[in-house]
Amino acid sequence: MNSADEFISQLAEHLSLPDIYQDLRELLDRHEMSIQKYVDVIEQDSMLRLRILRIANSRYFGFPRKAPNLYQAISLIGIMQLHDLVLNSLSMRAFSNIPQQIFCYKSFWEYCVKCGVAARSVAQLNQILTHNHYFTLGLLHEIGHAAMYAKAPELSLQAVEESDKQRCPVTKLERQYFGFDYTEVGTALMQQWQLPEIYQQVTAHHLEPDKGLAPYRQTLQIIQLAHHLCQNQDSEQDQLLIQRFRKMGAGWENLPENTASIIYKDIQTHTDNILSMLYPSGTHEMPIVTGYPE
């Protein structure tokens, strides 16, 4: 067990996903095709039921018709997208009981939603049909930071502040302070939650896609680009990065020249509405920090 695993194991009691997620995964693992069985699982959680209905009827996720009830919502969304949408909401809920006198989780999740929007937009511009899946990957790729703020908020925020002052990656300072960084913590959390391998790859390698497994390389590159766009929003730097990706071929040539401006507009248009659909209600917040550097 490495130190990041030990760090997460000490949070296990506080950061477990609700049983309803495991019930859903059991249906998926059995390749259960009965929509009614998924309805029966989701109906156990009234707040989750309402969120799924709102998402199914949202303009952002682009479903072709309205769903008046949960059965039709799941039929419309599809089973695999249902998994992602449930995971989005329950991941936020897992942190909702953490004391927040020092750190503002709503600000953090707002940033994560922006990353999810950016990742989905990049995938959509790359003409990837499963682009909604990339919203979840973008949303969760920095979840290691959420865990670090839960257990050691003062030291974690100090790393963020010092990285700003020193103009160096926050991962470098986290390794100095903790012996590991947020990518390792995020990967350990994904393993604890027993999420599919793609989530572990994204949390571990979104900063350095070439270190990821070959089948996930393009996905990692998409999350890397989304991460960069949300970190910097520097039009000149972003344009240079986008040009580098466009030269890679293999689908990247579909990115338009104005990719950055398209994504900035998507973030501005959709973030507040999506956050309102996913964020746990009744969570007490204290404003504190809004920047989450690399």
C-alpha atoms as a PDB file:
ATOM      1  CA  MET A   1       0.000   0.000   0.000  1.00  0.00           C
ATOM      2  CA  ASN A   2       1.519   3.347  -1.003  1.00  0.00           C
ATOM      3  CA  SER A   3       0.961   6.592   0.872  1.00  0.00           C
ATOM      4  CA  ALA A   4      -1.851   7.783  -1.425  1.00  0.00           C
ATOM      5  CA  ASP A   5      -3.699   4.516  -0.770  1.00  0.00           C
ATOM      6  CA  GLU A   6      -3.204   4.976   2.977  1.00  0.00           C
ATOM      7  CA  PHE A   7      -4.472   8.557   2.726  1.00  0.00           C
ATOM      8  CA  ILE A   8      -7.672   7.392   0.999  1.00  0.00           C
ATOM      9  CA  SER A   9      -8.141   4.364   3.256  1.00  0.00           C
ATOM     10  CA  GLN A  10      -8.328   6.735   6.239  1.00  0.00           C
ATOM     11  CA  LEU A  11     -11.215   8.531   4.495  1.00  0.00           C
ATOM     12  CA  ALA A  12     -13.024   5.356   3.430  1.00  0.00           C
ATOM     13  CA  GLU A  13     -15.763   5.617   6.044  1.00  0.00           C
ATOM     14  CA  HIS A  14     -16.594   9.194   5.017  1.00  0.00           C
ATOM     15  CA  LEU A  15     -16.197   8.945   1.233  1.00  0.00           C
ATOM     16  CA  SER A  16     -18.058   5.799   0.237  1.00  0.00           C
ATOM     17  CA  LEU A  17     -20.623   5.887  -2.530  1.00  0.00           C
ATOM     18  CA  PRO A  18     -24.194   5.094  -1.453  1.00  0.00           C
ATOM     19  CA  ASP A  19     -25.418   1.506  -1.705  1.00  0.00           C
ATOM     20  CA  ILE A  20     -27.647   2.525  -4.586  1.00  0.00           C
ATOM     21  CA  TYR A  21     -24.568   2.885  -6.799  1.00  0.00           C
ATOM     22  CA  GLN A  22     -23.480  -0.684  -6.045  1.00  0.00           C
ATOM     23  CA  ASP A  23     -27.021  -1.896  -6.784  1.00  0.00           C
ATOM     24  CA  LEU A  24     -26.824  -0.161 -10.151  1.00  0.00           C
ATOM     25  CA  ARG A  25     -23.396  -1.636 -10.887  1.00  0.00           C
ATOM     26  CA  GLU A  26     -24.682  -5.131 -10.107  1.00  0.00           C
ATOM     27  CA  LEU A  27     -27.361  -4.713 -12.765  1.00  0.00           C
ATOM     28  CA  LEU A  28     -24.771  -3.446 -15.240  1.00  0.00           C
ATOM     29  CA  ASP A  29     -22.365  -6.290 -14.467  1.00  0.00           C
ATOM     30  CA  ARG A  30     -25.178  -8.795 -15.080  1.00  0.00           C
ATOM     31  CA  HIS A  31     -25.944  -7.023 -18.372  1.00  0.00           C
ATOM     32  CA  GLU A  32     -29.476  -6.629 -17.113  1.00  0.00           C
ATOM     33  CA  MET A  33     -31.630  -5.214 -19.909  1.00  0.00           C
ATOM     34  CA  SER A  34     -34.871  -4.728 -17.971  1.00  0.00           C
ATOM     35  CA  ILE A  35     -35.436  -0.992 -17.622  1.00  0.00           C
ATOM     36  CA  GLN A  36     -37.930  -1.619 -14.828  1.00  0.00           C
ATOM     37  CA  LYS A  37     -35.170  -3.093 -12.643  1.00  0.00           C
ATOM     38  CA  TYR A  38     -33.147   0.093 -13.047  1.00  0.00           C
ATOM     39  CA  VAL A  39     -36.270   2.101 -12.228  1.00  0.00           C
ATOM     40  CA  ASP A  40     -36.733   0.050  -9.046  1.00  0.00           C
ATOM     41  CA  VAL A  41     -33.164   0.853  -7.959  1.00  0.00           C
ATOM     42  CA  ILE A  42     -33.354   4.585  -8.661  1.00  0.00           C
ATOM     43  CA  GLU A  43     -36.810   4.872  -7.023  1.00  0.00           C
ATOM     44  CA  GLN A  44     -35.156   4.024  -3.692  1.00  0.00           C
ATOM     45  CA  ASP A  45     -33.612   7.512  -3.677  1.00  0.00           C
ATOM     46  CA  SER A  46     -36.120  10.302  -4.222  1.00  0.00           C
ATOM     47  CA  MET A  47     -33.512  13.050  -4.707  1.00  0.00           C
ATOM     48  CA  LEU A  48     -31.600  10.982  -7.266  1.00  0.00           C
ATOM     49  CA  ARG A  49     -34.859  10.212  -9.053  1.00  0.00           C
ATOM     50  CA  LEU A  50     -35.614  13.919  -9.401  1.00  0.00           C
ATOM     51  CA  ARG A  51     -32.099  14.659 -10.651  1.00  0.00           C
ATOM     52  CA  ILE A  52     -32.293  11.945 -13.322  1.00  0.00           C
ATOM     53  CA  LEU A  53     -35.611  13.345 -14.524  1.00  0.00           C
ATOM     54  CA  ARG A  54     -34.196  16.878 -14.685  1.00  0.00           C
ATOM     55  CA  ILE A  55     -31.143  15.718 -16.613  1.00  0.00           C
ATOM     56  CA  ALA A  56     -33.206  13.629 -19.020  1.00  0.00           C
ATOM     57  CA  ASN A  57     -35.322  16.687 -19.773  1.00  0.00           C
ATOM     58  CA  SER A  58     -32.414  19.126 -20.013  1.00  0.00           C
ATOM     59  CA  ARG A  59     -31.418  20.813 -23.241  1.00  0.00           C
ATOM     60  CA  TYR A  60     -27.707  20.410 -22.523  1.00  0.00           C
ATOM     61  CA  PHE A  61     -27.526  16.625 -22.715  1.00  0.00           C
ATOM     62  CA  GLY A  62     -29.442  16.748 -25.963  1.00  0.00           C
ATOM     63  CA  PHE A  63     -32.055  14.042 -25.600  1.00  0.00           C
ATOM     64  CA  PRO A  64     -34.610  14.131 -28.434  1.00  0.00           C
ATOM     65  CA  ARG A  65     -37.847  14.205 -26.437  1.00  0.00           C
ATOM     66  CA  LYS A  66     -39.242  14.896 -22.987  1.00  0.00           C
ATOM     67  CA  ALA A  67     -39.576  12.153 -20.365  1.00  0.00           C
ATOM     68  CA  PRO A  68     -42.593  12.469 -18.027  1.00  0.00           C
ATOM     69  CA  ASN A  69     -41.527   9.603 -15.746  1.00  0.00           C
ATOM     70  CA  LEU A  70     -38.417   7.686 -14.658  1.00  0.00           C
ATOM     71  CA  TYR A  71     -39.081   4.688 -16.917  1.00  0.00           C
ATOM     72  CA  GLN A  72     -39.183   6.855 -20.011  1.00  0.00           C
ATOM     73  CA  ALA A  73     -36.213   8.902 -18.760  1.00  0.00           C
ATOM     74  CA  ILE A  74     -34.028   5.787 -18.495  1.00  0.00           C
ATOM     75  CA  SER A  75     -35.297   4.563 -21.861  1.00  0.00           C
ATOM     76  CA  LEU A  76     -34.311   7.907 -23.336  1.00  0.00           C
ATOM     77  CA  ILE A  77     -30.929   8.202 -21.608  1.00  0.00           C
ATOM     78  CA  GLY A  78     -29.771   4.631 -22.086  1.00  0.00           C
ATOM     79  CA  ILE A  79     -28.267   2.347 -19.470  1.00  0.00           C
ATOM     80  CA  MET A  80     -24.608   3.366 -19.849  1.00  0.00           C
ATOM     81  CA  GLN A  81     -25.407   7.072 -19.745  1.00  0.00           C
ATOM     82  CA  LEU A  82     -27.591   6.406 -16.715  1.00  0.00           C
ATOM     83  CA  HIS A  83     -24.485   5.064 -14.954  1.00  0.00           C
ATOM     84  CA  ASP A  84     -22.546   8.243 -15.722  1.00  0.00           C
ATOM     85  CA  LEU A  85     -25.341  10.578 -14.659  1.00  0.00           C
ATOM     86  CA  VAL A  86     -25.864   8.702 -11.393  1.00  0.00           C
ATOM     87  CA  LEU A  87     -22.113   8.753 -10.746  1.00  0.00           C
ATOM     88  CA  ASN A  88     -21.960  12.522 -11.343  1.00  0.00           C
ATOM     89  CA  SER A  89     -24.538  13.225  -8.672  1.00  0.00           C
ATOM     90  CA  LEU A  90     -23.427  10.620  -6.131  1.00  0.00           C
ATOM     91  CA  SER A  91     -19.775  11.683  -6.350  1.00  0.00           C
ATOM     92  CA  MET A  92     -20.755  15.171  -5.225  1.00  0.00           C
ATOM     93  CA  ARG A  93     -23.000  13.733  -2.533  1.00  0.00           C
ATOM     94  CA  ALA A  94     -20.130  11.637  -1.157  1.00  0.00           C
ATOM     95  CA  PHE A  95     -18.399  14.861  -0.086  1.00  0.00           C
ATOM     96  CA  SER A  96     -21.507  16.685   1.139  1.00  0.00           C
ATOM     97  CA  ASN A  97     -21.091  15.637   4.788  1.00  0.00           C
ATOM     98  CA  ILE A  98     -17.477  16.788   5.046  1.00  0.00           C
ATOM     99  CA  PRO A  99     -17.133  19.843   7.355  1.00  0.00           C
ATOM    100  CA  GLN A 100     -16.563  22.879   5.144  1.00  0.00           C
ATOM    101  CA  GLN A 101     -15.385  25.626   7.481  1.00  0.00           C
ATOM    102  CA  ILE A 102     -12.134  25.971   5.502  1.00  0.00           C
ATOM    103  CA  PHE A 103     -12.868  24.894   1.953  1.00  0.00           C
ATOM    104  CA  CYS A 104     -15.797  25.675  -0.347  1.00  0.00           C
ATOM    105  CA  TYR A 105     -16.822  22.491  -2.129  1.00  0.00           C
ATOM    106  CA  LYS A 106     -19.418  24.258  -4.231  1.00  0.00           C
ATOM    107  CA  SER A 107     -16.667  26.379  -5.797  1.00  0.00           C
ATOM    108  CA  PHE A 108     -14.667  23.225  -6.435  1.00  0.00           C
ATOM    109  CA  TRP A 109     -17.595  21.397  -8.049  1.00  0.00           C
ATOM    110  CA  GLU A 110     -18.378  24.454 -10.141  1.00  0.00           C
ATOM    111  CA  TYR A 111     -14.832  24.241 -11.509  1.00  0.00           C
ATOM    112  CA  CYS A 112     -15.290  20.493 -12.101  1.00  0.00           C
ATOM    113  CA  VAL A 113     -18.528  21.097 -14.006  1.00  0.00           C
ATOM    114  CA  LYS A 114     -16.640  23.554 -16.214  1.00  0.00           C
ATOM    115  CA  CYS A 115     -14.074  20.826 -16.897  1.00  0.00           C
ATOM    116  CA  GLY A 116     -16.879  18.402 -17.710  1.00  0.00           C
ATOM    117  CA  VAL A 117     -18.456  20.870 -20.136  1.00  0.00           C
ATOM    118  CA  ALA A 118     -15.068  21.499 -21.762  1.00  0.00           C
ATOM    119  CA  ALA A 119     -14.324  17.765 -22.111  1.00  0.00           C
ATOM    120  CA  ARG A 120     -17.743  17.060 -23.631  1.00  0.00           C
ATOM    121  CA  SER A 121     -17.322  19.970 -26.044  1.00  0.00           C
ATOM    122  CA  VAL A 122     -13.888  18.775 -27.187  1.00  0.00           C
ATOM    123  CA  ALA A 123     -15.246  15.254 -27.740  1.00  0.00           C
ATOM    124  CA  GLN A 124     -18.250  16.631 -29.609  1.00  0.00           C
ATOM    125  CA  LEU A 125     -16.019  18.795 -31.831  1.00  0.00           C
ATOM    126  CA  ASN A 126     -13.925  15.681 -32.448  1.00  0.00           C
ATOM    127  CA  GLN A 127     -17.160  14.029 -33.648  1.00  0.00           C
ATOM    128  CA  ILE A 128     -17.086  11.360 -30.926  1.00  0.00           C
ATOM    129  CA  LEU A 129     -20.590   9.917 -30.624  1.00  0.00           C
ATOM    130  CA  THR A 130     -20.291   9.123 -26.911  1.00  0.00           C
ATOM    131  CA  HIS A 131     -19.476  12.750 -26.079  1.00  0.00           C
ATOM    132  CA  ASN A 132     -21.807  12.839 -23.037  1.00  0.00           C
ATOM    133  CA  HIS A 133     -19.542  10.247 -21.380  1.00  0.00           C
ATOM    134  CA  TYR A 134     -16.720  12.781 -21.507  1.00  0.00           C
ATOM    135  CA  PHE A 135     -18.666  15.144 -19.285  1.00  0.00           C
ATOM    136  CA  THR A 136     -18.345  12.639 -16.428  1.00  0.00           C
ATOM    137  CA  LEU A 137     -14.666  12.000 -17.142  1.00  0.00           C
ATOM    138  CA  GLY A 138     -13.978  15.735 -17.123  1.00  0.00           C
ATOM    139  CA  LEU A 139     -16.054  16.273 -13.995  1.00  0.00           C
ATOM    140  CA  LEU A 140     -14.150  13.630 -11.987  1.00  0.00           C
ATOM    141  CA  HIS A 141     -10.598  13.979 -13.316  1.00  0.00           C
ATOM    142  CA  GLU A 142      -9.445  16.170 -10.378  1.00  0.00           C
ATOM    143  CA  ILE A 143     -11.432  14.418  -7.667  1.00  0.00           C
ATOM    144  CA  GLY A 144      -8.178  13.708  -5.852  1.00  0.00           C
ATOM    145  CA  HIS A 145      -8.136  17.368  -4.861  1.00  0.00           C
ATOM    146  CA  ALA A 146     -11.579  17.009  -3.273  1.00  0.00           C
ATOM    147  CA  ALA A 147     -10.271  14.137  -1.115  1.00  0.00           C
ATOM    148  CA  MET A 148      -7.162  16.089  -0.117  1.00  0.00           C
ATOM    149  CA  TYR A 149      -9.274  19.099   0.899  1.00  0.00           C
ATOM    150  CA  ALA A 150     -11.463  16.751   2.951  1.00  0.00           C
ATOM    151  CA  LYS A 151      -8.612  15.325   5.022  1.00  0.00           C
ATOM    152  CA  ALA A 152      -5.949  18.058   5.009  1.00  0.00           C
ATOM    153  CA  PRO A 153      -7.554  21.312   3.835  1.00  0.00           C
ATOM    154  CA  GLU A 154      -4.993  23.750   5.302  1.00  0.00           C
ATOM    155  CA  LEU A 155      -1.965  22.026   3.791  1.00  0.00           C
ATOM    156  CA  SER A 156      -3.753  21.394   0.482  1.00  0.00           C
ATOM    157  CA  LEU A 157      -4.735  25.047   0.145  1.00  0.00           C
ATOM    158  CA  GLN A 158      -1.203  26.070   1.083  1.00  0.00           C
ATOM    159  CA  ALA A 159       0.062  24.011  -1.859  1.00  0.00           C
ATOM    160  CA  VAL A 160      -2.373  25.832  -4.167  1.00  0.00           C
ATOM    161  CA  GLU A 161      -1.352  29.250  -2.882  1.00  0.00           C
ATOM    162  CA  GLU A 162       2.371  28.499  -3.085  1.00  0.00           C
ATOM    163  CA  SER A 163       2.029  27.128  -6.604  1.00  0.00           C
ATOM    164  CA  ASP A 164       0.489  30.473  -7.612  1.00  0.00           C
ATOM    165  CA  LYS A 165       3.289  32.429  -5.958  1.00  0.00           C
ATOM    166  CA  GLN A 166       6.090  30.251  -7.290  1.00  0.00           C
ATOM    167  CA  ARG A 167       4.426  29.707 -10.688  1.00  0.00           C
ATOM    168  CA  CYS A 168       5.051  25.977 -10.485  1.00  0.00           C
ATOM    169  CA  PRO A 169       2.709  22.971 -10.784  1.00  0.00           C
ATOM    170  CA  VAL A 170       0.702  22.253  -7.657  1.00  0.00           C
ATOM    171  CA  THR A 171       1.610  18.572  -8.066  1.00  0.00           C
ATOM    172  CA  LYS A 172       5.254  19.426  -7.336  1.00  0.00           C
ATOM    173  CA  LEU A 173       4.372  21.094  -4.043  1.00  0.00           C
ATOM    174  CA  GLU A 174       1.882  18.380  -3.085  1.00  0.00           C
ATOM    175  CA  ARG A 175       4.615  15.782  -3.477  1.00  0.00           C
ATOM    176  CA  GLN A 176       6.828  17.892  -1.222  1.00  0.00           C
ATOM    177  CA  TYR A 177       4.120  18.331   1.432  1.00  0.00           C
ATOM    178  CA  PHE A 178       2.431  14.924   1.287  1.00  0.00           C
ATOM    179  CA  GLY A 179       4.755  12.572  -0.579  1.00  0.00           C
ATOM    180  CA  PHE A 180       2.137  12.194  -3.344  1.00  0.00           C
ATOM    181  CA  ASP A 181      -0.083  14.421  -5.475  1.00  0.00           C
ATOM    182  CA  TYR A 182      -3.770  14.732  -6.290  1.00  0.00           C
ATOM    183  CA  THR A 183      -3.559  12.451  -9.345  1.00  0.00           C
ATOM    184  CA  GLU A 184      -2.407   9.583  -7.124  1.00  0.00           C
ATOM    185  CA  VAL A 185      -5.070  10.316  -4.523  1.00  0.00           C
ATOM    186  CA  GLY A 186      -7.749  10.473  -7.219  1.00  0.00           C
ATOM    187  CA  THR A 187      -6.639   7.154  -8.652  1.00  0.00           C
ATOM    188  CA  ALA A 188      -6.716   5.558  -5.203  1.00  0.00           C
ATOM    189  CA  LEU A 189     -10.264   6.876  -4.689  1.00  0.00           C
ATOM    190  CA  MET A 190     -11.398   5.531  -8.064  1.00  0.00           C
ATOM    191  CA  GLN A 191     -10.001   2.137  -7.051  1.00  0.00           C
ATOM    192  CA  GLN A 192     -11.713   2.307  -3.663  1.00  0.00           C
ATOM    193  CA  TRP A 193     -15.000   3.062  -5.399  1.00  0.00           C
ATOM    194  CA  GLN A 194     -14.283   0.193  -7.828  1.00  0.00           C
ATOM    195  CA  LEU A 195     -14.979   2.352 -10.862  1.00  0.00           C
ATOM    196  CA  PRO A 196     -14.160   1.094 -14.371  1.00  0.00           C
ATOM    197  CA  GLU A 197     -10.544   1.360 -15.517  1.00  0.00           C
ATOM    198  CA  ILE A 198     -11.153   4.404 -17.720  1.00  0.00           C
ATOM    199  CA  TYR A 199     -11.823   6.534 -14.613  1.00  0.00           C
ATOM    200  CA  GLN A 200      -8.603   5.358 -12.989  1.00  0.00           C
ATOM    201  CA  GLN A 201      -6.666   6.131 -16.170  1.00  0.00           C
ATOM    202  CA  VAL A 202      -8.130   9.640 -16.405  1.00  0.00           C
ATOM    203  CA  THR A 203      -7.404  10.571 -12.783  1.00  0.00           C
ATOM    204  CA  ALA A 204      -3.882   9.154 -13.023  1.00  0.00           C
ATOM    205  CA  HIS A 205      -2.709  10.390 -16.424  1.00  0.00           C
ATOM    206  CA  HIS A 206      -4.665  13.468 -17.554  1.00  0.00           C
ATOM    207  CA  LEU A 207      -1.546  15.613 -17.124  1.00  0.00           C
ATOM    208  CA  GLU A 208       0.652  13.180 -19.086  1.00  0.00           C
ATOM    209  CA  PRO A 209      -1.492  11.135 -21.505  1.00  0.00           C
ATOM    210  CA  ASP A 210       1.508   9.315 -22.976  1.00  0.00           C
ATOM    211  CA  LYS A 211       1.884   7.472 -19.658  1.00  0.00           C
ATOM    212  CA  GLY A 212      -1.615   6.016 -19.916  1.00  0.00           C
ATOM    213  CA  LEU A 213      -2.602   2.723 -21.499  1.00  0.00           C
ATOM    214  CA  ALA A 214      -2.740   2.845 -25.294  1.00  0.00           C
ATOM    215  CA  PRO A 215      -6.510   2.146 -25.657  1.00  0.00           C
ATOM    216  CA  TYR A 216      -7.265   5.241 -23.561  1.00  0.00           C
ATOM    217  CA  ARG A 217      -4.712   7.584 -25.117  1.00  0.00           C
ATOM    218  CA  GLN A 218      -7.127   9.760 -27.118  1.00  0.00           C
ATOM    219  CA  THR A 219      -9.513  10.009 -24.171  1.00  0.00           C
ATOM    220  CA  LEU A 220      -6.642  11.146 -21.962  1.00  0.00           C
ATOM    221  CA  GLN A 221      -5.632  13.741 -24.538  1.00  0.00           C
ATOM    222  CA  ILE A 222      -9.182  15.111 -24.636  1.00  0.00           C
ATOM    223  CA  ILE A 223      -9.243  15.450 -20.855  1.00  0.00           C
ATOM    224  CA  GLN A 224      -5.784  17.030 -20.929  1.00  0.00           C
ATOM    225  CA  LEU A 225      -6.967  19.660 -23.401  1.00  0.00           C
ATOM    226  CA  ALA A 226     -10.142  20.345 -21.400  1.00  0.00           C
ATOM    227  CA  HIS A 227      -8.087  20.624 -18.216  1.00  0.00           C
ATOM    228  CA  HIS A 228      -5.706  23.097 -19.845  1.00  0.00           C
ATOM    229  CA  LEU A 229      -8.533  25.232 -21.211  1.00  0.00           C
ATOM    230  CA  CYS A 230     -10.206  25.454 -17.800  1.00  0.00           C
ATOM    231  CA  GLN A 231      -6.931  26.150 -16.008  1.00  0.00           C
ATOM    232  CA  ASN A 232      -5.682  28.975 -18.149  1.00  0.00           C
ATOM    233  CA  GLN A 233      -8.271  30.540 -20.460  1.00  0.00           C
ATOM    234  CA  ASP A 234      -5.329  32.265 -22.123  1.00  0.00           C
ATOM    235  CA  SER A 235      -6.369  32.606 -25.753  1.00  0.00           C
ATOM    236  CA  GLU A 236      -2.813  32.678 -27.114  1.00  0.00           C
ATOM    237  CA  GLN A 237      -1.577  29.654 -25.147  1.00  0.00           C
ATOM    238  CA  ASP A 238      -4.802  27.763 -25.777  1.00  0.00           C
ATOM    239  CA  GLN A 239      -4.601  28.403 -29.506  1.00  0.00           C
ATOM    240  CA  LEU A 240      -1.037  27.051 -29.636  1.00  0.00           C
ATOM    241  CA  LEU A 241      -2.095  23.920 -27.772  1.00  0.00           C
ATOM    242  CA  ILE A 242      -5.109  23.390 -30.027  1.00  0.00           C
ATOM    243  CA  GLN A 243      -2.909  23.764 -33.109  1.00  0.00           C
ATOM    244  CA  ARG A 244      -0.580  21.098 -31.691  1.00  0.00           C
ATOM    245  CA  PHE A 245      -3.497  18.720 -31.195  1.00  0.00           C
ATOM    246  CA  ARG A 246      -4.882  19.416 -34.681  1.00  0.00           C
ATOM    247  CA  LYS A 247      -1.535  18.386 -36.206  1.00  0.00           C
ATOM    248  CA  MET A 248      -1.761  14.986 -34.529  1.00  0.00           C
ATOM    249  CA  GLY A 249      -4.408  13.777 -36.988  1.00  0.00           C
ATOM    250  CA  ALA A 250      -6.476  10.730 -35.971  1.00  0.00           C
ATOM    251  CA  GLY A 251      -9.669  12.773 -35.601  1.00  0.00           C
ATOM    252  CA  TRP A 252      -8.070  15.869 -34.141  1.00  0.00           C
ATOM    253  CA  GLU A 253      -8.177  17.540 -37.530  1.00  0.00           C
ATOM    254  CA  ASN A 254     -11.928  18.020 -36.913  1.00  0.00           C
ATOM    255  CA  LEU A 255     -11.211  20.673 -34.298  1.00  0.00           C
ATOM    256  CA  PRO A 256     -12.055  24.098 -35.745  1.00  0.00           C
ATOM    257  CA  GLU A 257      -9.685  27.029 -35.446  1.00  0.00           C
ATOM    258  CA  ASN A 258     -12.018  28.709 -32.948  1.00  0.00           C
ATOM    259  CA  THR A 259     -12.239  25.675 -30.640  1.00  0.00           C
ATOM    260  CA  ALA A 260     -11.234  27.666 -27.563  1.00  0.00           C
ATOM    261  CA  SER A 261     -13.905  30.329 -28.057  1.00  0.00           C
ATOM    262  CA  ILE A 262     -16.576  27.655 -28.648  1.00  0.00           C
ATOM    263  CA  ILE A 263     -15.640  25.929 -25.397  1.00  0.00           C
ATOM    264  CA  TYR A 264     -15.473  29.159 -23.397  1.00  0.00           C
ATOM    265  CA  LYS A 265     -18.986  29.975 -24.601  1.00  0.00           C
ATOM    266  CA  ASP A 266     -20.264  26.489 -23.697  1.00  0.00           C
ATOM    267  CA  ILE A 267     -18.796  26.832 -20.207  1.00  0.00           C
ATOM    268  CA  GLN A 268     -20.372  30.236 -19.707  1.00  0.00           C
ATOM    269  CA  THR A 269     -23.746  29.101 -21.048  1.00  0.00           C
ATOM    270  CA  HIS A 270     -24.191  25.785 -19.272  1.00  0.00           C
ATOM    271  CA  THR A 271     -22.198  25.654 -16.018  1.00  0.00           C
ATOM    272  CA  ASP A 272     -24.722  27.195 -13.616  1.00  0.00           C
ATOM    273  CA  ASN A 273     -27.634  25.122 -14.883  1.00  0.00           C
ATOM    274  CA  ILE A 274     -25.726  21.832 -14.733  1.00  0.00           C
ATOM    275  CA  LEU A 275     -24.385  22.571 -11.262  1.00  0.00           C
ATOM    276  CA  SER A 276     -27.924  23.247 -10.055  1.00  0.00           C
ATOM    277  CA  MET A 277     -29.016  19.860 -11.419  1.00  0.00           C
ATOM    278  CA  LEU A 278     -26.192  17.901  -9.765  1.00  0.00           C
ATOM    279  CA  TYR A 279     -25.154  19.669  -6.578  1.00  0.00           C
ATOM    280  CA  PRO A 280     -26.589  18.270  -3.310  1.00  0.00           C
ATOM    281  CA  SER A 281     -29.205  20.598  -1.870  1.00  0.00           C
ATOM    282  CA  GLY A 282     -28.969  21.911   1.671  1.00  0.00           C
ATOM    283  CA  THR A 283     -25.171  21.820   1.817  1.00  0.00           C
ATOM    284  CA  HIS A 284     -23.712  24.643   3.899  1.00  0.00           C
ATOM    285  CA  GLU A 285     -20.956  26.538   2.134  1.00  0.00           C
ATOM    286  CA  MET A 286     -18.320  29.087   3.042  1.00  0.00           C
ATOM    287  CA  PRO A 287     -16.639  31.014   0.221  1.00  0.00           C
ATOM    288  CA  ILE A 288     -12.910  30.617   0.013  1.00  0.00           C
ATOM    289  CA  VAL A 289     -10.899  29.716  -3.071  1.00  0.00           C
ATOM    290  CA  THR A 290     -11.758  29.454  -6.741  1.00  0.00           C
ATOM    291  CA  GLY A 291      -8.511  28.439  -8.416  1.00  0.00           C
ATOM    292  CA  TYR A 292      -7.274  24.878  -8.789  1.00  0.00           C
ATOM    293  CA  PRO A 293      -3.954  24.958 -10.672  1.00  0.00           C
ATOM    294  CA  GLU A 294      -2.134  22.068 -12.284  1.00  0.00           C
END
